Amino acid sequence: MNLIKPTLIAALVAASLPMTATAADAVTVYGKMNVTVDSFDVDGESTTGVHSNASRLGVKGALELSPSLEAFYTIEYEVDTGDDVKENFKARNQFVGLRGSFGAISVGRNDTMLKRSQGKVDLFGDLQGDIKHLFKGENRMEQTVTYLTPALGGFKFGATYVAEESSSQKNGDDGLSLAAMYGDAKLKKSPFYASVAYDTDVKGFDNILRATVQGKIGDFKLGAIYQDQEAAGKDSIDGFMVSAAYKLSAVTLKAQYQDMDTKGDAISVGADYKLGKPTKLFAYYTQRDLESAANSDDYFGIGLEHKF
């Protein structure tokens, strides 16, 4: 309906206005715009476009219910600036939950724990070098219940239950996504991050096993992922990804290589130039070789990202 866009925008604008003295629910409106001018050479055909890369708009907040209990929520939409449809909002994470000394539990639409377990190791997320083009498991699922423990000596454990009524559940069964994580995924509170995650019966895959590691040494960040995946009724296949970033003043140089058996491989290089804390210019190049294709595909883009 045509009402969906003005209604959503009105709600977000209203949420961003100063709260009254009687309202204790702290609301934050946030988002980012990430848009690139791209040149793609796919299947021998070259095209040029201006693409939105998971640009988004969201509202999140929390309310203290008691000294030991807090309610929290997130409502987030993707905004596709390149879509020819004017009502271009697409659902992202949308959930409500409770947290306290027991950890945090949330219900709604959410990233699975396996997806969350990769942390920041994928340096080309939302671009053509994103690991989702060769690895399965980058799932955002509806009808979920997610539990995350409090930190236990640097460790956190999480689980996502996906209800069988979820339309994304291709096998008609309920699914489970589990993860064990150590350290800070942003590498700010610790110089090392590692995780192991496992999906069973999620979105048509019998199981997916993923191990992730990333570390910071001076101005270098090095990361790697190993994954084994088995689609329903098919043999399991495995693959890996390695990534590296080097910060040189306001410029960050990045490189990444990914390979998955029977699927193909991809190599990506790029550079980010920080204009300010929320804003960067960037460029990337990705070459993807699929075993099902005769020729490699090439992707090149220059973009601007601003977060708010």
Protein backbone atom coordinates (compact mmCIF):
# COMPACT_ATOMS: atom_id res chain seq x y z
CA MET A 1 0.00 0.00 0.00
CA ASN A 2 1.09 3.59 -0.63
CA LEU A 3 0.54 4.39 3.06
CA ILE A 4 3.40 2.21 4.23
CA LYS A 5 6.19 4.66 3.39
CA PRO A 6 4.77 7.89 4.95
CA THR A 7 3.51 5.93 7.96
CA LEU A 8 6.93 4.40 8.59
CA ILE A 9 8.77 7.68 8.11
CA ALA A 10 6.33 9.51 10.39
CA ALA A 11 6.87 6.91 13.11
CA LEU A 12 10.65 7.20 12.85
CA VAL A 13 10.59 10.99 12.90
CA ALA A 14 8.27 11.00 15.91
CA ALA A 15 10.58 8.56 17.69
CA SER A 16 13.56 10.85 17.13
CA LEU A 17 11.90 13.85 18.84
CA PRO A 18 12.94 14.69 22.44
CA MET A 19 11.27 12.43 24.96
CA THR A 20 8.93 13.88 27.60
CA ALA A 21 9.95 13.90 31.25
CA THR A 22 7.56 11.03 31.99
CA ALA A 23 8.91 8.80 29.21
CA ALA A 24 11.80 6.64 30.43
CA ASP A 25 12.14 4.66 27.20
CA ALA A 26 15.31 5.92 25.49
CA VAL A 27 14.77 5.75 21.72
CA THR A 28 17.52 5.94 19.09
CA VAL A 29 16.97 6.47 15.38
CA TYR A 30 19.96 5.17 13.42
CA GLY A 31 21.00 4.00 9.99
CA LYS A 32 23.45 4.28 7.16
CA MET A 33 23.55 5.06 3.46
CA ASN A 34 25.98 3.03 1.36
CA VAL A 35 25.78 3.71 -2.37
CA THR A 36 28.24 2.77 -5.12
CA VAL A 37 28.75 3.49 -8.78
CA ASP A 38 29.55 0.04 -10.18
CA SER A 39 30.80 -1.57 -13.33
CA PHE A 40 29.92 -5.27 -13.63
CA ASP A 41 31.13 -7.77 -16.22
CA VAL A 42 28.95 -10.86 -15.74
CA ASP A 43 28.60 -13.72 -18.25
CA GLY A 44 30.50 -11.63 -20.79
CA GLU A 45 28.05 -8.71 -20.54
CA SER A 46 29.17 -5.34 -19.12
CA THR A 47 26.78 -3.04 -17.26
CA THR A 48 27.07 0.14 -15.20
CA GLY A 49 24.76 1.05 -12.33
CA VAL A 50 24.30 3.02 -9.12
CA HIS A 51 23.53 0.52 -6.36
CA SER A 52 22.50 0.66 -2.72
CA ASN A 53 24.38 -1.82 -0.52
CA ALA A 54 22.14 -2.69 2.45
CA SER A 55 21.45 0.97 3.26
CA ARG A 56 19.18 0.97 6.28
CA LEU A 57 16.98 2.92 8.68
CA GLY A 58 16.06 1.73 12.15
CA VAL A 59 14.75 2.47 15.61
CA LYS A 60 16.06 0.83 18.77
CA GLY A 61 15.52 1.38 22.44
CA ALA A 62 15.57 -0.01 25.95
CA LEU A 63 13.57 0.53 29.12
CA GLU A 64 14.58 -0.40 32.66
CA LEU A 65 11.73 -2.40 34.16
CA SER A 66 13.52 -3.01 37.47
CA PRO A 67 17.11 -2.82 38.74
CA SER A 68 17.68 -6.33 37.38
CA LEU A 69 15.51 -6.39 34.25
CA GLU A 70 15.45 -4.37 31.02
CA ALA A 71 13.23 -4.52 27.94
CA PHE A 72 14.78 -3.80 24.54
CA TYR A 73 13.72 -3.73 20.90
CA THR A 74 14.90 -3.09 17.34
CA ILE A 75 12.85 -2.31 14.23
CA GLU A 76 15.03 -2.01 11.14
CA TYR A 77 14.39 -1.72 7.40
CA GLU A 78 16.65 -1.83 4.38
CA VAL A 79 16.29 1.14 2.03
CA ASP A 80 17.12 0.27 -1.58
CA THR A 81 17.91 3.51 -3.42
CA GLY A 82 18.36 1.61 -6.68
CA ASP A 83 14.92 -0.03 -6.67
CA ASP A 84 12.46 1.28 -9.27
CA VAL A 85 9.62 0.74 -6.78
CA LYS A 86 9.09 3.83 -4.62
CA GLU A 87 7.92 1.78 -1.60
CA ASN A 88 11.43 0.39 -1.27
CA PHE A 89 11.57 -0.68 2.40
CA LYS A 90 12.58 -4.29 3.09
CA ALA A 91 12.45 -5.96 6.51
CA ARG A 92 15.71 -6.51 8.41
CA ASN A 93 16.05 -7.37 12.11
CA GLN A 94 12.82 -6.70 14.03
CA PHE A 95 12.56 -8.09 17.55
CA VAL A 96 11.69 -7.40 21.18
CA GLY A 97 13.34 -8.92 24.23
CA LEU A 98 14.32 -8.94 27.89
CA ARG A 99 17.82 -8.89 29.40
CA GLY A 100 19.35 -9.07 32.83
CA SER A 101 21.89 -11.07 34.80
CA PHE A 102 20.56 -14.21 33.07
CA GLY A 103 21.59 -12.87 29.64
CA ALA A 104 19.23 -11.73 26.87
CA ILE A 105 16.30 -13.37 25.13
CA SER A 106 14.51 -11.90 22.10
CA VAL A 107 11.67 -12.92 19.78
CA GLY A 108 10.89 -11.86 16.22
CA ARG A 109 12.93 -11.57 13.02
CA ASN A 110 16.66 -11.85 13.65
CA ASP A 111 20.06 -12.89 12.33
CA THR A 112 20.88 -16.47 13.31
CA MET A 113 23.71 -17.09 15.74
CA LEU A 114 25.77 -18.67 12.95
CA LYS A 115 25.53 -15.47 10.93
CA ARG A 116 26.35 -13.31 13.96
CA SER A 117 29.31 -15.53 14.86
CA GLN A 118 31.44 -14.28 11.94
CA GLY A 119 31.92 -10.94 13.71
CA LYS A 120 33.74 -8.44 11.45
CA VAL A 121 35.98 -10.89 9.60
CA ASP A 122 34.16 -10.40 6.26
CA LEU A 123 35.76 -7.16 5.02
CA PHE A 124 33.49 -6.86 1.96
CA GLY A 125 30.12 -7.46 3.59
CA ASP A 126 27.11 -6.20 1.59
CA LEU A 127 29.33 -5.80 -1.51
CA GLN A 128 30.04 -8.29 -4.29
CA GLY A 129 32.85 -9.79 -2.20
CA ASP A 130 30.44 -10.72 0.61
CA ILE A 131 30.95 -14.31 1.78
CA LYS A 132 27.23 -15.02 1.22
CA HIS A 133 27.86 -15.44 -2.52
CA LEU A 134 29.73 -18.72 -1.89
CA PHE A 135 28.94 -19.67 1.72
CA LYS A 136 25.47 -20.58 2.97
CA GLY A 137 24.29 -19.67 6.46
CA GLU A 138 24.08 -15.87 6.22
CA ASN A 139 20.46 -16.10 7.30
CA ARG A 140 18.06 -13.56 8.76
CA MET A 141 15.03 -15.60 9.79
CA GLU A 142 11.47 -14.75 10.79
CA GLN A 143 9.69 -16.49 13.69
CA THR A 144 12.78 -16.90 15.87
CA VAL A 145 13.67 -17.03 19.56
CA THR A 146 17.27 -16.08 20.37
CA TYR A 147 19.10 -16.44 23.68
CA LEU A 148 22.54 -15.03 24.46
CA THR A 149 24.36 -15.69 27.74
CA PRO A 150 26.19 -12.98 29.70
CA ALA A 151 29.98 -12.92 29.29
CA LEU A 152 31.61 -15.83 31.12
CA GLY A 153 35.37 -15.29 31.35
CA GLY A 154 35.42 -13.77 27.86
CA PHE A 155 33.08 -16.41 26.42
CA LYS A 156 29.51 -15.97 25.23
CA PHE A 157 27.12 -18.69 24.08
CA GLY A 158 24.03 -18.21 21.98
CA ALA A 159 21.18 -20.12 20.38
CA THR A 160 18.53 -19.25 17.79
CA TYR A 161 15.40 -21.37 17.49
CA VAL A 162 13.53 -21.10 14.16
CA ALA A 163 9.89 -22.18 14.29
CA GLU A 164 8.66 -24.71 11.73
CA GLU A 165 5.97 -22.20 10.61
CA SER A 166 8.68 -19.88 9.29
CA SER A 167 8.22 -19.68 5.52
CA SER A 168 12.01 -19.74 5.13
CA GLN A 169 12.11 -23.26 6.57
CA LYS A 170 12.15 -25.22 3.32
CA ASN A 171 12.07 -28.64 4.98
CA GLY A 172 9.04 -27.89 7.17
CA ASP A 173 10.95 -28.65 10.39
CA ASP A 174 12.04 -26.31 13.14
CA GLY A 175 15.72 -25.28 13.08
CA LEU A 176 18.47 -24.49 15.54
CA SER A 177 21.54 -22.26 15.26
CA LEU A 178 24.20 -22.43 17.99
CA ALA A 179 27.39 -20.45 18.61
CA ALA A 180 30.23 -20.17 21.11
CA MET A 181 32.23 -16.93 20.92
CA TYR A 182 35.35 -15.62 22.66
CA GLY A 183 36.61 -12.04 22.76
CA ASP A 184 35.36 -8.82 21.19
CA ALA A 185 34.17 -9.10 17.58
CA LYS A 186 35.06 -5.42 17.00
CA LEU A 187 38.61 -6.01 18.36
CA LYS A 188 38.34 -2.93 20.59
CA LYS A 189 38.14 -4.58 24.01
CA SER A 190 40.39 -7.50 23.04
CA PRO A 191 42.93 -8.06 20.25
CA PHE A 192 41.53 -11.51 19.44
CA TYR A 193 38.15 -12.97 18.49
CA ALA A 194 37.16 -16.59 17.79
CA SER A 195 33.91 -18.50 17.38
CA VAL A 196 32.46 -21.87 16.48
CA ALA A 197 28.87 -22.09 15.20
CA TYR A 198 26.55 -24.84 14.01
CA ASP A 199 23.21 -24.84 12.17
CA THR A 200 20.90 -27.81 11.96
CA ASP A 201 17.79 -27.88 9.76
CA VAL A 202 17.92 -24.15 8.99
CA LYS A 203 16.64 -22.91 5.61
CA GLY A 204 16.94 -26.22 3.78
CA PHE A 205 20.39 -27.23 5.06
CA ASP A 206 20.84 -30.33 7.19
CA ASN A 207 23.85 -28.77 8.90
CA ILE A 208 26.45 -26.03 8.58
CA LEU A 209 29.61 -25.85 10.69
CA ARG A 210 31.56 -22.59 10.78
CA ALA A 211 34.77 -21.68 12.65
CA THR A 212 35.96 -18.07 12.68
CA VAL A 213 39.08 -16.36 13.98
CA GLN A 214 40.33 -12.77 13.73
CA GLY A 215 43.15 -10.90 15.42
CA LYS A 216 44.80 -7.50 15.51
CA ILE A 217 48.57 -7.00 15.43
CA GLY A 218 49.49 -3.34 15.39
CA ASP A 219 47.83 -1.80 12.33
CA PHE A 220 47.09 -5.21 10.79
CA LYS A 221 43.88 -7.22 11.11
CA LEU A 222 43.98 -10.85 9.99
CA GLY A 223 41.01 -13.20 9.83
CA ALA A 224 39.85 -16.57 8.57
CA ILE A 225 36.73 -18.74 8.31
CA TYR A 226 36.41 -22.48 7.73
CA GLN A 227 32.98 -23.82 6.76
CA ASP A 228 31.43 -27.21 6.07
CA GLN A 229 27.87 -27.23 4.73
CA GLU A 230 25.41 -29.94 3.74
CA ALA A 231 22.19 -29.17 1.88
CA ALA A 232 19.25 -31.55 2.35
CA GLY A 233 19.75 -34.64 0.20
CA LYS A 234 23.24 -33.65 -0.97
CA ASP A 235 26.84 -34.41 0.01
CA SER A 236 28.63 -32.02 2.34
CA ILE A 237 31.17 -29.58 0.89
CA ASP A 238 33.69 -27.36 2.63
CA GLY A 239 35.58 -24.16 2.01
CA PHE A 240 37.54 -21.34 3.61
CA MET A 241 38.04 -17.58 3.57
CA VAL A 242 41.01 -15.46 4.62
CA SER A 243 41.07 -11.67 4.99
CA ALA A 244 43.61 -8.97 5.82
CA ALA A 245 43.39 -5.23 6.46
CA TYR A 246 46.10 -2.64 7.05
CA LYS A 247 45.38 0.82 8.46
CA LEU A 248 47.60 3.57 7.10
CA SER A 249 46.51 6.87 8.66
CA ALA A 250 43.04 7.65 7.21
CA VAL A 251 43.29 4.85 4.61
CA THR A 252 42.53 1.17 5.23
CA LEU A 253 43.75 -1.31 2.61
CA LYS A 254 41.83 -4.61 2.40
CA ALA A 255 42.15 -7.98 0.68
CA GLN A 256 40.12 -11.19 0.89
CA TYR A 257 40.11 -14.65 -0.72
CA GLN A 258 37.33 -17.25 -0.52
CA ASP A 259 36.97 -20.76 -1.89
CA MET A 260 34.14 -23.29 -1.67
CA ASP A 261 34.31 -26.81 -3.13
CA THR A 262 32.14 -27.35 -6.24
CA LYS A 263 30.98 -23.72 -6.07
CA GLY A 264 33.96 -21.57 -6.97
CA ASP A 265 36.29 -18.96 -5.55
CA ALA A 266 36.52 -15.18 -5.26
CA ILE A 267 39.22 -12.61 -4.61
CA SER A 268 38.54 -9.03 -3.50
CA VAL A 269 40.73 -5.99 -2.91
CA GLY A 270 39.73 -2.53 -1.78
CA ALA A 271 40.51 0.66 0.10
CA ASP A 272 38.54 2.83 2.54
CA TYR A 273 39.31 6.53 3.06
CA LYS A 274 37.94 7.98 6.29
CA LEU A 275 36.50 11.48 5.79
CA GLY A 276 35.22 11.58 9.36
CA LYS A 277 34.01 9.21 12.06
CA PRO A 278 30.66 8.48 10.30
CA THR A 279 31.71 8.94 6.67
CA LYS A 280 34.05 7.17 4.25
CA LEU A 281 34.88 6.98 0.56
CA PHE A 282 35.78 3.51 -0.69
CA ALA A 283 36.61 1.48 -3.76
CA TYR A 284 36.57 -2.29 -4.34
CA TYR A 285 37.26 -4.89 -6.99
CA THR A 286 35.99 -8.50 -6.89
CA GLN A 287 36.64 -11.33 -9.29
CA ARG A 288 34.44 -14.40 -8.84
CA ASP A 289 35.03 -17.70 -10.64
CA LEU A 290 32.06 -20.05 -10.47
CA GLU A 291 32.63 -23.66 -11.50
CA SER A 292 29.29 -23.59 -13.30
CA ALA A 293 30.38 -20.67 -15.51
CA ALA A 294 32.80 -20.61 -18.45
CA ASN A 295 34.25 -17.19 -17.59
CA SER A 296 35.01 -15.28 -14.42
CA ASP A 297 32.80 -12.37 -13.35
CA ASP A 298 34.34 -8.98 -12.52
CA TYR A 299 32.91 -6.30 -10.24
CA PHE A 300 34.34 -2.81 -9.64
CA GLY A 301 32.81 0.01 -7.62
CA ILE A 302 33.46 3.39 -6.02
CA GLY A 303 31.17 4.40 -3.19
CA LEU A 304 30.28 6.66 -0.29
CA GLU A 305 29.02 5.53 3.11
CA HIS A 306 27.58 7.72 5.84
CA LYS A 307 26.32 6.42 9.19
CA PHE A 308 24.00 8.25 11.55
